[in-house]
Protein backbone atom coordinates (compact mmCIF):
# COMPACT_ATOMS: atom_id res chain seq x y z
CA MET A 1 -5.01 -9.99 2.15
CA THR A 2 -6.02 -6.91 0.22
CA GLY A 3 -9.13 -4.94 -0.57
CA ILE A 4 -10.61 -3.01 -3.44
CA HIS A 5 -11.26 0.68 -2.87
CA HIS A 6 -13.55 2.85 -4.97
CA ILE A 7 -12.20 6.38 -5.43
CA ALA A 8 -15.57 8.00 -6.15
CA PRO A 9 -14.42 11.43 -7.43
CA LEU A 10 -12.25 9.71 -10.05
CA ASP A 11 -14.68 6.82 -10.61
CA VAL A 12 -11.82 4.34 -10.41
CA TYR A 13 -11.16 1.27 -8.31
CA ILE A 14 -7.74 0.89 -6.70
CA MET A 15 -6.41 -2.37 -5.32
CA PRO A 16 -3.24 -2.05 -3.22
CA GLN A 17 -1.15 -5.21 -3.13
CA TRP A 18 2.10 -6.10 -1.38
CA HIS A 19 4.78 -8.76 -1.21
CA TYR A 20 8.07 -9.34 0.55
CA THR A 21 10.88 -9.14 -1.98
CA HIS A 22 13.62 -11.13 -0.21
CA LEU A 23 12.01 -14.19 1.34
CA ASP A 24 15.13 -16.23 0.56
CA ASP A 25 17.37 -13.94 2.68
CA ASP A 26 17.11 -14.55 6.44
CA GLN A 27 18.40 -11.05 7.27
CA ARG A 28 16.01 -9.18 4.92
CA ARG A 29 13.06 -11.57 4.74
CA TRP A 30 10.51 -9.34 6.53
CA LYS A 31 12.33 -6.05 6.00
CA ALA A 32 11.90 -5.40 2.29
CA THR A 33 8.53 -4.87 0.66
CA CYS A 34 7.11 -3.96 -2.71
CA LEU A 35 3.78 -2.12 -2.69
CA GLU A 36 1.87 -2.38 -5.97
CA PHE A 37 -1.23 -0.45 -6.96
CA TYR A 38 -3.67 -1.68 -9.58
CA GLN A 39 -6.57 0.21 -11.14
CA ALA A 40 -9.77 -0.76 -12.90
CA SER A 41 -12.94 0.94 -14.05
CA GLU A 42 -15.07 -1.90 -12.66
CA PRO A 43 -14.58 -3.86 -9.41
CA TRP A 44 -14.17 -7.14 -11.32
CA GLY A 45 -11.42 -5.74 -13.56
CA PRO A 46 -9.56 -6.02 -15.77
CA TRP A 47 -6.81 -4.68 -13.51
CA SER A 48 -3.69 -2.82 -14.62
CA LEU A 49 -0.63 -1.95 -12.57
CA PHE A 50 -0.14 1.82 -12.33
CA HIS A 51 2.51 2.10 -9.62
CA ALA A 52 5.02 -0.11 -7.77
CA GLN A 53 7.43 1.01 -5.09
CA HIS A 54 10.07 -0.84 -3.09
CA PHE A 55 10.71 -0.15 0.58
CA GLU A 56 13.57 -1.28 2.79
CA PRO A 57 14.04 -1.60 5.77
CA GLU A 58 10.31 -1.06 6.22
CA GLY A 59 8.55 -4.40 5.97
CA TRP A 60 5.11 -2.95 5.20
CA TYR A 61 2.12 -5.25 4.83
CA ASN A 62 -1.66 -5.25 4.41
CA PRO A 63 -2.17 -1.79 2.81
CA SER A 64 -5.63 -0.24 2.92
CA ILE A 65 -7.19 3.04 1.74
CA PRO A 66 -9.79 4.25 4.27
CA ALA A 67 -12.48 6.33 2.52
CA LYS A 68 -12.27 8.97 5.26
CA TYR A 69 -8.73 9.81 4.14
CA ILE A 70 -9.44 10.50 0.46
CA ASN A 71 -9.69 14.19 -0.40
CA GLU A 72 -12.74 15.65 -2.15
CA ASN A 73 -11.33 15.33 -5.68
CA GLY A 74 -9.73 11.91 -5.12
CA THR A 75 -6.20 13.00 -5.94
CA ARG A 76 -4.74 12.80 -2.44
CA LEU A 77 -5.26 9.83 -0.18
CA TRP A 78 -3.59 8.02 2.67
CA ILE A 79 -2.47 4.41 2.62
CA PHE A 80 -2.77 2.74 6.03
CA LEU A 81 -0.48 -0.23 6.62
CA ALA A 82 1.37 -2.15 9.27
CA GLY A 83 5.12 -2.47 9.55
CA ASP A 84 7.80 -5.02 10.36
CA TRP A 85 6.51 -7.19 13.20
CA THR A 86 9.89 -8.79 13.91
CA THR A 87 11.68 -5.69 15.21
CA ALA A 88 12.32 -6.00 18.95
CA ASN A 89 13.90 -2.56 19.50
CA VAL A 90 11.01 -0.11 19.90
CA LYS A 91 13.28 2.87 19.11
CA THR A 92 13.72 1.59 15.55
CA ALA A 93 10.58 -0.51 15.22
CA TYR A 94 8.32 -0.12 12.25
CA TYR A 95 5.62 -2.31 13.78
CA GLY A 96 2.35 -0.48 14.29
CA LEU A 97 -0.11 1.53 12.23
CA TRP A 98 1.58 3.69 9.61
CA MET A 99 0.12 6.14 7.13
CA ILE A 100 1.72 7.05 3.82
CA GLU A 101 0.36 9.93 1.76
CA MET A 102 -0.26 9.14 -1.90
CA ASN A 103 -0.95 11.67 -4.66
CA VAL A 104 -2.85 10.39 -7.68
CA GLU A 105 -2.21 11.97 -11.07
CA THR A 106 -5.05 11.89 -13.58
CA GLY A 107 -4.97 12.22 -17.29
């Protein structure tokens, strides 16, 4: 599940997307993620990919961009997401609410 987020100062819509990259590997299935970010000038698109990043061992999912955490010019924002829900050891667990800072370049 994903959402569309309007970055008002830049007048752009961003749609964060995610997928697990190793579903065929029992050891890495929920521990490797690709986050993808799409942009559009209208909420209905057309959408274009502007950034993709792989993470491992963090099994991130369901990224969101809360409007409260977008700076006044729209170039710095925070991605909220949840982490690997299969980790039993709380000392190394990624499960919970995580925030990743994202800087947006314009031009």
